[in-house]
Amino acid sequence: MAGKIAQPERKKQQQEKPQVGPCDDLRVLIAQRAFERYQARGFQDGFDLDDWLEAERDVLSQVPPV
């Protein structure tokens, strides 16, 4: 049919956390997750090591076994 323009297909945003791929920079992902924890706590200082270690557990638990 003339005059119809095909619309680009939009990808759905995933609601789940994406799995970590083998090429992702783990340090960056851990730092982002640690910041999210800091932010969720209302930027309260004094828990940086706890945030980092918990973020590390979260991120590394998403790494598929090789």
C-alpha atoms as a PDB file:
ATOM      1  CA  MET A   1       0.000   0.000   0.000  1.00  0.00           C
ATOM      2  CA  ALA A   2       1.402   3.339  -1.005  1.00  0.00           C
ATOM      3  CA  GLY A   3       1.927   6.054   1.567  1.00  0.00           C
ATOM      4  CA  LYS A   4       2.501   3.768   4.563  1.00  0.00           C
ATOM      5  CA  ILE A   5       5.843   4.114   6.290  1.00  0.00           C
ATOM      6  CA  ALA A   6       7.116   1.165   8.256  1.00  0.00           C
ATOM      7  CA  GLN A   7       7.674   2.052  11.894  1.00  0.00           C
ATOM      8  CA  PRO A   8      10.925   0.847  13.474  1.00  0.00           C
ATOM      9  CA  GLU A   9      10.466  -2.011  15.874  1.00  0.00           C
ATOM     10  CA  ARG A  10      11.012  -0.965  19.488  1.00  0.00           C
ATOM     11  CA  LYS A  11      12.734  -3.301  21.855  1.00  0.00           C
ATOM     12  CA  LYS A  12      11.102  -3.929  25.198  1.00  0.00           C
ATOM     13  CA  GLN A  13      13.075  -2.827  28.223  1.00  0.00           C
ATOM     14  CA  GLN A  14      13.904  -5.697  30.513  1.00  0.00           C
ATOM     15  CA  GLN A  15      12.537  -5.467  34.023  1.00  0.00           C
ATOM     16  CA  GLU A  16      15.054  -7.998  35.326  1.00  0.00           C
ATOM     17  CA  LYS A  17      18.723  -7.365  35.963  1.00  0.00           C
ATOM     18  CA  PRO A  18      20.685  -8.356  32.878  1.00  0.00           C
ATOM     19  CA  GLN A  19      23.240 -11.100  33.284  1.00  0.00           C
ATOM     20  CA  VAL A  20      26.832 -10.013  33.212  1.00  0.00           C
ATOM     21  CA  GLY A  21      28.511 -10.856  29.936  1.00  0.00           C
ATOM     22  CA  PRO A  22      32.102 -12.046  29.692  1.00  0.00           C
ATOM     23  CA  CYS A  23      33.278  -8.717  28.239  1.00  0.00           C
ATOM     24  CA  ASP A  24      31.695  -6.407  30.808  1.00  0.00           C
ATOM     25  CA  ASP A  25      34.016  -4.484  33.078  1.00  0.00           C
ATOM     26  CA  LEU A  26      33.204  -5.994  36.468  1.00  0.00           C
ATOM     27  CA  ARG A  27      34.812  -3.168  38.414  1.00  0.00           C
ATOM     28  CA  VAL A  28      32.518  -0.620  36.749  1.00  0.00           C
ATOM     29  CA  LEU A  29      29.430  -2.767  37.332  1.00  0.00           C
ATOM     30  CA  ILE A  30      30.358  -3.246  40.997  1.00  0.00           C
ATOM     31  CA  ALA A  31      30.963   0.484  41.448  1.00  0.00           C
ATOM     32  CA  GLN A  32      27.576   1.297  39.886  1.00  0.00           C
ATOM     33  CA  ARG A  33      25.802  -1.206  42.134  1.00  0.00           C
ATOM     34  CA  ALA A  34      27.635   0.097  45.231  1.00  0.00           C
ATOM     35  CA  PHE A  35      26.550   3.636  44.350  1.00  0.00           C
ATOM     36  CA  GLU A  36      22.946   2.462  43.954  1.00  0.00           C
ATOM     37  CA  ARG A  37      23.100   1.051  47.494  1.00  0.00           C
ATOM     38  CA  TYR A  38      24.586   4.343  48.790  1.00  0.00           C
ATOM     39  CA  GLN A  39      21.882   6.298  46.989  1.00  0.00           C
ATOM     40  CA  ALA A  40      19.088   4.032  48.277  1.00  0.00           C
ATOM     41  CA  ARG A  41      20.325   4.592  51.825  1.00  0.00           C
ATOM     42  CA  GLY A  42      19.962   8.350  51.369  1.00  0.00           C
ATOM     43  CA  PHE A  43      23.692   9.044  50.836  1.00  0.00           C
ATOM     44  CA  GLN A  44      24.529   8.141  54.427  1.00  0.00           C
ATOM     45  CA  ASP A  45      28.304   7.853  54.841  1.00  0.00           C
ATOM     46  CA  GLY A  46      30.225   5.157  56.669  1.00  0.00           C
ATOM     47  CA  PHE A  47      29.111   2.051  54.781  1.00  0.00           C
ATOM     48  CA  ASP A  48      31.350   2.212  51.716  1.00  0.00           C
ATOM     49  CA  LEU A  49      33.081  -1.123  52.316  1.00  0.00           C
ATOM     50  CA  ASP A  50      29.776  -2.840  53.085  1.00  0.00           C
ATOM     51  CA  ASP A  51      28.257  -1.366  49.916  1.00  0.00           C
ATOM     52  CA  TRP A  52      31.211  -2.487  47.807  1.00  0.00           C
ATOM     53  CA  LEU A  53      31.266  -6.039  49.184  1.00  0.00           C
ATOM     54  CA  GLU A  54      27.517  -6.475  48.812  1.00  0.00           C
ATOM     55  CA  ALA A  55      27.633  -5.025  45.302  1.00  0.00           C
ATOM     56  CA  GLU A  56      30.467  -7.404  44.475  1.00  0.00           C
ATOM     57  CA  ARG A  57      28.345 -10.352  45.629  1.00  0.00           C
ATOM     58  CA  ASP A  58      25.377  -9.121  43.578  1.00  0.00           C
ATOM     59  CA  VAL A  59      27.364  -8.644  40.387  1.00  0.00           C
ATOM     60  CA  LEU A  60      29.444 -11.807  40.668  1.00  0.00           C
ATOM     61  CA  SER A  61      26.319 -13.882  41.312  1.00  0.00           C
ATOM     62  CA  GLN A  62      25.160 -12.866  37.811  1.00  0.00           C
ATOM     63  CA  VAL A  63      28.295 -14.139  36.082  1.00  0.00           C
ATOM     64  CA  PRO A  64      27.446 -17.343  34.236  1.00  0.00           C
ATOM     65  CA  PRO A  65      29.695 -20.323  35.003  1.00  0.00           C
ATOM     66  CA  VAL A  66      32.320 -21.150  32.411  1.00  0.00           C
END
